[in-house]
Amino acid sequence: MHRALMHERDPGKLKKAANSYLRLSGIGFQMAAIIGLGAYGGWWADQRTGWKFPALTLFGSLGGVAMAMYILFKETR
């Protein structure tokens, strides 16, 4: 039987699936924001130092990824 038809017969499953989808979508947006802010912060700091190699952008991006992964593991535990 098609999934959509199964959900029509059991509204509890549909609500649970929607809640899971919204929760994970929220975590994804949060991760994207953290990584973006880390990269922007590193870029901003690199603009102030005048270094030729964008080391602070690299560290900011990697730091953002590490923080985002930590939050992902913490939220999905």
Protein backbone atom coordinates (compact mmCIF):
# COMPACT_ATOMS: atom_id res chain seq x y z
CA MET A 1 0.00 0.00 0.00
CA HIS A 2 1.22 3.50 -0.77
CA ARG A 3 2.73 5.47 2.17
CA ALA A 4 0.37 8.41 1.76
CA LEU A 5 -2.61 6.09 2.05
CA MET A 6 -1.18 4.49 5.19
CA HIS A 7 -0.82 7.92 6.83
CA GLU A 8 -4.41 8.79 5.97
CA ARG A 9 -5.56 5.84 8.03
CA ASP A 10 -3.30 6.59 11.00
CA PRO A 11 -3.10 10.33 11.78
CA GLY A 12 -0.78 9.59 14.73
CA LYS A 13 1.92 8.33 12.37
CA LEU A 14 1.53 11.38 10.15
CA LYS A 15 1.91 13.74 13.10
CA LYS A 16 4.96 11.85 14.39
CA ALA A 17 6.57 11.90 10.93
CA ALA A 18 5.88 15.63 10.54
CA ASN A 19 7.33 16.39 13.98
CA SER A 20 10.48 14.41 13.17
CA TYR A 21 10.84 16.17 9.84
CA LEU A 22 10.43 19.62 11.39
CA ARG A 23 12.86 18.82 14.22
CA LEU A 24 15.57 17.58 11.87
CA SER A 25 14.98 20.46 9.45
CA GLY A 26 15.45 22.88 12.34
CA ILE A 27 18.71 21.19 13.32
CA GLY A 28 19.88 21.45 9.70
CA PHE A 29 19.16 25.18 9.54
CA GLN A 30 20.88 25.64 12.89
CA MET A 31 23.95 23.78 11.63
CA ALA A 32 24.07 25.88 8.46
CA ALA A 33 23.85 29.08 10.51
CA ILE A 34 26.64 28.00 12.87
CA ILE A 35 28.97 27.05 10.01
CA GLY A 36 28.14 30.27 8.16
CA LEU A 37 28.79 32.41 11.23
CA GLY A 38 32.09 30.63 11.87
CA ALA A 39 33.20 31.19 8.28
CA TYR A 40 32.07 34.83 8.35
CA GLY A 41 33.82 35.45 11.66
CA GLY A 42 37.03 33.96 10.28
CA TRP A 43 36.74 36.01 7.10
CA TRP A 44 36.12 39.17 9.12
CA ALA A 45 39.18 38.46 11.28
CA ASP A 46 41.29 37.74 8.17
CA GLN A 47 40.29 41.10 6.71
CA ARG A 48 41.64 42.80 9.84
CA THR A 49 44.98 40.97 9.91
CA GLY A 50 45.94 41.42 6.24
CA TRP A 51 47.48 37.95 6.01
CA LYS A 52 47.80 36.48 2.51
CA PHE A 53 46.66 32.99 3.59
CA PRO A 54 43.09 32.94 4.99
CA ALA A 55 44.01 30.91 8.08
CA LEU A 56 41.33 32.43 10.32
CA THR A 57 38.63 31.75 7.72
CA LEU A 58 39.78 28.13 7.63
CA PHE A 59 39.80 27.85 11.43
CA GLY A 60 36.44 29.58 11.70
CA SER A 61 34.88 27.26 9.15
CA LEU A 62 36.30 24.14 10.75
CA GLY A 63 35.31 25.39 14.19
CA GLY A 64 31.78 25.97 12.92
CA VAL A 65 31.63 22.45 11.51
CA ALA A 66 32.88 21.01 14.81
CA MET A 67 30.30 23.00 16.79
CA ALA A 68 27.53 22.01 14.37
CA MET A 69 28.45 18.32 14.66
CA TYR A 70 28.48 18.60 18.46
CA ILE A 71 25.00 20.11 18.42
CA LEU A 72 23.79 17.46 15.96
CA PHE A 73 25.01 14.62 18.21
CA LYS A 74 23.66 16.31 21.33
CA GLU A 75 20.20 16.90 19.81
CA THR A 76 19.79 13.47 18.21
CA ARG A 77 20.98 11.41 21.17
